[in-house]
Protein backbone atom coordinates (compact mmCIF):
# COMPACT_ATOMS: atom_id res chain seq x y z
CA MET A 1 0.13 -0.03 0.08
CA PRO A 2 1.29 3.77 -0.96
CA THR A 3 2.74 6.28 1.59
CA TYR A 4 1.19 10.05 1.61
CA ARG A 5 2.11 12.95 2.99
CA MET A 6 -0.49 15.60 3.66
CA VAL A 7 -0.50 19.44 4.77
CA TYR A 8 -3.93 20.46 6.04
CA GLY A 9 -5.25 22.86 7.94
CA ASP A 10 -6.61 26.68 8.26
CA SER A 11 -5.02 30.01 9.08
CA GLU A 12 -4.83 28.98 12.78
CA GLN A 13 -3.06 26.06 12.28
CA VAL A 14 -1.27 23.75 9.73
CA VAL A 15 -0.66 19.86 10.37
CA GLN A 16 1.97 17.95 7.96
CA GLU A 17 1.48 14.21 8.61
CA THR A 18 2.66 10.94 6.66
CA PHE A 19 0.51 8.09 6.39
CA ASP A 20 1.67 4.65 5.66
CA ASP A 21 -0.30 2.32 4.04
CA VAL A 22 -3.79 4.15 2.97
CA GLU A 23 -6.09 4.49 0.25
CA VAL A 24 -7.42 7.95 -0.48
CA GLN A 25 -11.07 8.94 -1.33
CA ARG A 26 -12.18 11.98 -2.13
CA GLU A 27 -16.01 12.23 -1.51
CA ASP A 28 -18.58 15.18 -1.23
CA GLY A 29 -15.98 17.86 -0.59
CA TRP A 30 -13.94 15.46 1.71
CA VAL A 31 -10.51 13.81 1.69
CA VAL A 32 -11.00 10.25 3.40
CA LEU A 33 -7.94 8.58 4.28
CA PHE A 34 -8.34 4.70 4.97
CA ARG A 35 -6.51 1.77 6.44
CA GLY A 36 -8.32 -1.62 5.36
CA PRO A 37 -11.95 -0.65 6.30
CA ASP A 38 -11.40 1.94 8.76
CA ALA A 39 -11.29 5.40 7.78
CA ILE A 40 -8.54 7.39 9.82
CA LEU A 41 -8.51 10.70 8.89
CA ARG A 42 -11.57 12.73 7.32
CA VAL A 43 -10.61 16.51 5.99
CA GLN A 44 -12.51 18.99 4.04
CA GLU A 45 -10.92 19.22 0.76
CA ASP A 46 -10.56 23.35 1.28
CA HIS A 47 -8.29 22.62 4.28
CA VAL A 48 -5.78 20.16 2.31
CA GLN A 49 -2.96 22.48 0.99
CA ALA A 50 -1.10 19.52 -0.15
CA LEU A 51 -1.72 15.55 -0.70
CA ASP A 52 1.35 13.93 -2.48
CA LEU A 53 2.15 10.30 -3.02
CA VAL A 54 5.42 9.86 -1.57
CA GLU A 55 6.24 5.53 -2.02
CA GLY A 56 4.37 2.71 -3.27
CA PRO A 57 3.38 0.58 -6.36
CA ASP A 58 2.22 3.71 -8.72
CA ALA A 59 5.09 6.16 -7.16
CA SER A 60 7.56 5.97 -9.94
CA ARG A 61 4.57 6.63 -12.70
């Protein structure tokens, strides 16, 4: 499973985190990270400043 680095937040606080072994889905204005069947993070699309694939099976493409 791939690894993603996400920068998210608003004008008061910005967080950068790296998530291993996750699947990213976008739905209805939200970015949702899943690990297996469980959603581990849900962030409004407007608050996501960067979402980058850093490694995984498709990272070289």
